Amino acid sequence: MITQYKLEIYKRYNGDLDGWCLLGDDTEKTLMNEQDWFEIQELVQKVILLKQGVVSQAFAQKINQAVQIQTDHAETANLLKELAELSVS
């Protein structure tokens, strides 16, 4: 499950897994693992495609459903979408 805390960690390292592995503290690594990282990264990439308008309507629905299912609440989903927008900018 993706939480706001996990997204904050992801954002702190600008999505750089190696940076997190090398510089992340024990608390971060206790509350988040590589699978969480990959899950966030995959969703961010999909939301970027959605924002760019390069996916079909059916795939767009699947992306939106995945965001809702994989995040713990609406605020987290919005934060994930904001991360995707920052990645596009």
N, C-alpha and C. Protein backbone atom coordinates (compact mmCIF):
# COMPACT_ATOMS: atom_id res chain seq x y z
N MET A 1 0.85 -1.18 0.00
CA MET A 1 0.00 0.00 0.00
C MET A 1 0.89 1.25 0.00
N ILE A 2 0.58 2.15 -0.87
CA ILE A 2 1.33 3.41 -0.97
C ILE A 2 0.72 4.41 0.01
N THR A 3 1.58 4.99 0.83
CA THR A 3 1.15 5.99 1.80
C THR A 3 1.82 7.33 1.49
N GLN A 4 1.34 8.37 2.14
CA GLN A 4 1.96 9.68 1.96
C GLN A 4 3.42 9.66 2.40
N TYR A 5 3.69 8.96 3.49
CA TYR A 5 5.07 8.89 3.99
C TYR A 5 5.99 8.27 2.94
N LYS A 6 5.54 7.21 2.30
CA LYS A 6 6.36 6.55 1.26
C LYS A 6 6.57 7.49 0.08
N LEU A 7 5.52 8.22 -0.29
CA LEU A 7 5.67 9.17 -1.39
C LEU A 7 6.63 10.30 -1.03
N GLU A 8 6.61 10.73 0.22
CA GLU A 8 7.55 11.77 0.66
C GLU A 8 8.99 11.28 0.56
N ILE A 9 9.21 10.03 0.91
CA ILE A 9 10.55 9.44 0.79
C ILE A 9 10.95 9.40 -0.69
N TYR A 10 10.06 8.91 -1.52
CA TYR A 10 10.31 8.82 -2.96
C TYR A 10 10.66 10.20 -3.53
N LYS A 11 9.90 11.19 -3.11
CA LYS A 11 10.12 12.56 -3.59
C LYS A 11 11.45 13.12 -3.06
N ARG A 12 11.77 12.84 -1.80
CA ARG A 12 13.00 13.33 -1.19
C ARG A 12 14.23 12.90 -1.99
N TYR A 13 14.16 11.70 -2.58
CA TYR A 13 15.29 11.19 -3.37
C TYR A 13 15.06 11.33 -4.87
N ASN A 14 14.06 12.14 -5.24
CA ASN A 14 13.75 12.40 -6.65
C ASN A 14 13.57 11.12 -7.46
N GLY A 15 12.99 10.10 -6.84
CA GLY A 15 12.75 8.85 -7.53
C GLY A 15 14.01 8.03 -7.79
N ASP A 16 15.12 8.41 -7.17
CA ASP A 16 16.40 7.73 -7.39
C ASP A 16 16.58 6.61 -6.35
N LEU A 17 16.34 5.38 -6.78
CA LEU A 17 16.42 4.23 -5.90
C LEU A 17 17.82 4.07 -5.33
N ASP A 18 18.83 4.25 -6.15
CA ASP A 18 20.21 4.12 -5.66
C ASP A 18 20.52 5.13 -4.58
N GLY A 19 20.04 6.36 -4.76
CA GLY A 19 20.25 7.39 -3.75
C GLY A 19 19.61 7.00 -2.43
N TRP A 20 18.41 6.47 -2.49
CA TRP A 20 17.72 6.03 -1.28
C TRP A 20 18.45 4.86 -0.63
N CYS A 21 18.91 3.90 -1.45
CA CYS A 21 19.63 2.75 -0.91
C CYS A 21 20.92 3.18 -0.21
N LEU A 22 21.60 4.15 -0.77
CA LEU A 22 22.87 4.60 -0.20
C LEU A 22 22.70 5.57 0.96
N LEU A 23 21.71 6.45 0.87
CA LEU A 23 21.59 7.54 1.84
C LEU A 23 20.40 7.43 2.79
N GLY A 24 19.47 6.54 2.49
CA GLY A 24 18.27 6.41 3.31
C GLY A 24 18.61 5.92 4.71
N ASP A 25 17.86 6.42 5.69
CA ASP A 25 18.12 5.99 7.06
C ASP A 25 17.33 4.73 7.39
N ASP A 26 17.62 4.15 8.54
CA ASP A 26 17.00 2.89 8.95
C ASP A 26 15.48 3.00 9.08
N THR A 27 15.00 4.14 9.55
CA THR A 27 13.55 4.32 9.70
C THR A 27 12.87 4.25 8.34
N GLU A 28 13.44 4.93 7.35
CA GLU A 28 12.87 4.90 6.00
C GLU A 28 12.86 3.48 5.46
N LYS A 29 13.93 2.76 5.68
CA LYS A 29 14.05 1.42 5.13
C LYS A 29 13.21 0.40 5.89
N THR A 30 12.83 0.73 7.11
CA THR A 30 11.94 -0.13 7.86
C THR A 30 10.51 0.03 7.36
N LEU A 31 10.13 1.25 7.01
CA LEU A 31 8.76 1.54 6.61
C LEU A 31 8.51 1.41 5.11
N MET A 32 9.58 1.29 4.34
CA MET A 32 9.45 1.21 2.88
C MET A 32 10.51 0.26 2.36
N ASN A 33 10.13 -0.55 1.37
CA ASN A 33 11.10 -1.46 0.77
C ASN A 33 11.19 -1.23 -0.74
N GLU A 34 12.04 -1.98 -1.40
CA GLU A 34 12.23 -1.79 -2.83
C GLU A 34 10.95 -2.06 -3.62
N GLN A 35 10.16 -3.02 -3.17
CA GLN A 35 8.90 -3.31 -3.86
C GLN A 35 7.98 -2.10 -3.82
N ASP A 36 7.93 -1.41 -2.67
CA ASP A 36 7.15 -0.18 -2.57
C ASP A 36 7.67 0.84 -3.58
N TRP A 37 8.99 0.95 -3.65
CA TRP A 37 9.63 1.92 -4.56
C TRP A 37 9.20 1.66 -6.00
N PHE A 38 9.29 0.37 -6.41
CA PHE A 38 8.94 0.01 -7.78
C PHE A 38 7.46 0.24 -8.06
N GLU A 39 6.62 0.00 -7.06
CA GLU A 39 5.18 0.23 -7.20
C GLU A 39 4.89 1.71 -7.43
N ILE A 40 5.55 2.55 -6.66
CA ILE A 40 5.38 4.00 -6.83
C ILE A 40 5.90 4.43 -8.20
N GLN A 41 7.07 3.96 -8.55
CA GLN A 41 7.69 4.33 -9.82
C GLN A 41 6.79 3.95 -11.00
N GLU A 42 6.23 2.74 -10.95
CA GLU A 42 5.35 2.28 -12.03
C GLU A 42 4.09 3.14 -12.13
N LEU A 43 3.49 3.45 -10.99
CA LEU A 43 2.29 4.28 -11.02
C LEU A 43 2.59 5.70 -11.50
N VAL A 44 3.69 6.26 -11.07
CA VAL A 44 4.07 7.61 -11.52
C VAL A 44 4.23 7.60 -13.04
N GLN A 45 4.89 6.58 -13.59
CA GLN A 45 5.08 6.49 -15.03
C GLN A 45 3.75 6.39 -15.76
N LYS A 46 2.82 5.61 -15.21
CA LYS A 46 1.51 5.46 -15.84
C LYS A 46 0.72 6.76 -15.78
N VAL A 47 0.79 7.45 -14.65
CA VAL A 47 0.07 8.72 -14.53
C VAL A 47 0.67 9.76 -15.48
N ILE A 48 1.97 9.72 -15.68
CA ILE A 48 2.59 10.62 -16.65
C ILE A 48 1.99 10.38 -18.04
N LEU A 49 1.89 9.13 -18.43
CA LEU A 49 1.29 8.80 -19.73
C LEU A 49 -0.15 9.29 -19.81
N LEU A 50 -0.87 9.13 -18.71
CA LEU A 50 -2.25 9.59 -18.64
C LEU A 50 -2.31 11.11 -18.82
N LYS A 51 -1.44 11.83 -18.11
CA LYS A 51 -1.42 13.30 -18.19
C LYS A 51 -1.04 13.77 -19.60
N GLN A 52 -0.19 12.99 -20.27
CA GLN A 52 0.22 13.36 -21.62
C GLN A 52 -0.85 13.03 -22.67
N GLY A 53 -1.86 12.28 -22.25
CA GLY A 53 -2.95 11.96 -23.16
C GLY A 53 -2.60 10.93 -24.22
N VAL A 54 -1.64 10.06 -23.92
CA VAL A 54 -1.20 9.09 -24.91
C VAL A 54 -1.71 7.67 -24.64
N VAL A 55 -2.71 7.55 -23.78
CA VAL A 55 -3.28 6.24 -23.48
C VAL A 55 -4.75 6.22 -23.90
N SER A 56 -5.24 5.02 -24.16
CA SER A 56 -6.65 4.87 -24.52
C SER A 56 -7.53 5.16 -23.31
N GLN A 57 -8.79 5.37 -23.57
CA GLN A 57 -9.73 5.64 -22.49
C GLN A 57 -9.82 4.44 -21.54
N ALA A 58 -9.78 3.24 -22.10
CA ALA A 58 -9.85 2.02 -21.27
C ALA A 58 -8.62 1.92 -20.36
N PHE A 59 -7.44 2.21 -20.92
CA PHE A 59 -6.22 2.14 -20.10
C PHE A 59 -6.21 3.27 -19.07
N ALA A 60 -6.73 4.42 -19.43
CA ALA A 60 -6.82 5.54 -18.49
C ALA A 60 -7.67 5.14 -17.28
N GLN A 61 -8.76 4.43 -17.53
CA GLN A 61 -9.60 3.96 -16.43
C GLN A 61 -8.84 2.98 -15.54
N LYS A 62 -8.07 2.10 -16.16
CA LYS A 62 -7.28 1.13 -15.39
C LYS A 62 -6.23 1.84 -14.53
N ILE A 63 -5.62 2.87 -15.08
CA ILE A 63 -4.63 3.64 -14.32
C ILE A 63 -5.29 4.30 -13.12
N ASN A 64 -6.41 4.95 -13.34
CA ASN A 64 -7.12 5.61 -12.24
C ASN A 64 -7.56 4.62 -11.18
N GLN A 65 -8.00 3.44 -11.60
CA GLN A 65 -8.38 2.40 -10.64
C GLN A 65 -7.18 1.92 -9.84
N ALA A 66 -6.05 1.73 -10.53
CA ALA A 66 -4.84 1.28 -9.85
C ALA A 66 -4.38 2.30 -8.81
N VAL A 67 -4.47 3.57 -9.15
CA VAL A 67 -4.08 4.63 -8.21
C VAL A 67 -4.98 4.56 -6.98
N GLN A 68 -6.27 4.40 -7.18
CA GLN A 68 -7.20 4.33 -6.05
C GLN A 68 -6.96 3.09 -5.19
N ILE A 69 -6.71 1.97 -5.83
CA ILE A 69 -6.53 0.71 -5.10
C ILE A 69 -5.21 0.67 -4.35
N GLN A 70 -4.16 1.21 -4.95
CA GLN A 70 -2.82 1.07 -4.39
C GLN A 70 -2.43 2.18 -3.41
N THR A 71 -3.27 3.20 -3.27
CA THR A 71 -2.98 4.26 -2.31
C THR A 71 -3.94 4.13 -1.13
N ASP A 72 -3.49 4.62 0.03
CA ASP A 72 -4.29 4.43 1.25
C ASP A 72 -5.47 5.39 1.37
N HIS A 73 -5.44 6.54 0.70
CA HIS A 73 -6.60 7.44 0.67
C HIS A 73 -6.44 8.49 -0.42
N ALA A 74 -7.46 9.31 -0.59
CA ALA A 74 -7.52 10.27 -1.70
C ALA A 74 -6.36 11.27 -1.67
N GLU A 75 -5.96 11.71 -0.50
CA GLU A 75 -4.85 12.67 -0.41
C GLU A 75 -3.56 12.05 -0.95
N THR A 76 -3.36 10.79 -0.67
CA THR A 76 -2.17 10.10 -1.18
C THR A 76 -2.24 9.99 -2.70
N ALA A 77 -3.41 9.67 -3.23
CA ALA A 77 -3.58 9.59 -4.68
C ALA A 77 -3.29 10.94 -5.33
N ASN A 78 -3.75 12.02 -4.72
CA ASN A 78 -3.48 13.35 -5.25
C ASN A 78 -1.99 13.68 -5.21
N LEU A 79 -1.31 13.29 -4.14
CA LEU A 79 0.12 13.52 -4.03
C LEU A 79 0.88 12.74 -5.11
N LEU A 80 0.45 11.53 -5.39
CA LEU A 80 1.06 10.74 -6.44
C LEU A 80 0.91 11.43 -7.79
N LYS A 81 -0.28 11.96 -8.05
CA LYS A 81 -0.52 12.67 -9.30
C LYS A 81 0.33 13.93 -9.39
N GLU A 82 0.54 14.61 -8.27
CA GLU A 82 1.40 15.79 -8.24
C GLU A 82 2.85 15.40 -8.57
N LEU A 83 3.30 14.27 -8.03
CA LEU A 83 4.65 13.80 -8.35
C LEU A 83 4.81 13.55 -9.85
N ALA A 84 3.78 12.99 -10.46
CA ALA A 84 3.82 12.75 -11.89
C ALA A 84 3.89 14.06 -12.65
N GLU A 85 3.14 15.05 -12.21
CA GLU A 85 3.17 16.36 -12.88
C GLU A 85 4.55 17.00 -12.76
N LEU A 86 5.20 16.85 -11.61
CA LEU A 86 6.54 17.39 -11.43
C LEU A 86 7.54 16.70 -12.35
N SER A 87 7.32 15.41 -12.58
CA SER A 87 8.22 14.65 -13.45
C SER A 87 8.10 15.09 -14.89
N VAL A 88 6.92 15.54 -15.29
CA VAL A 88 6.69 15.98 -16.67
C VAL A 88 7.26 17.36 -16.89
N SER A 89 7.21 18.20 -15.88
CA SER A 89 7.64 19.61 -16.00
C SER A 89 9.11 19.74 -16.30
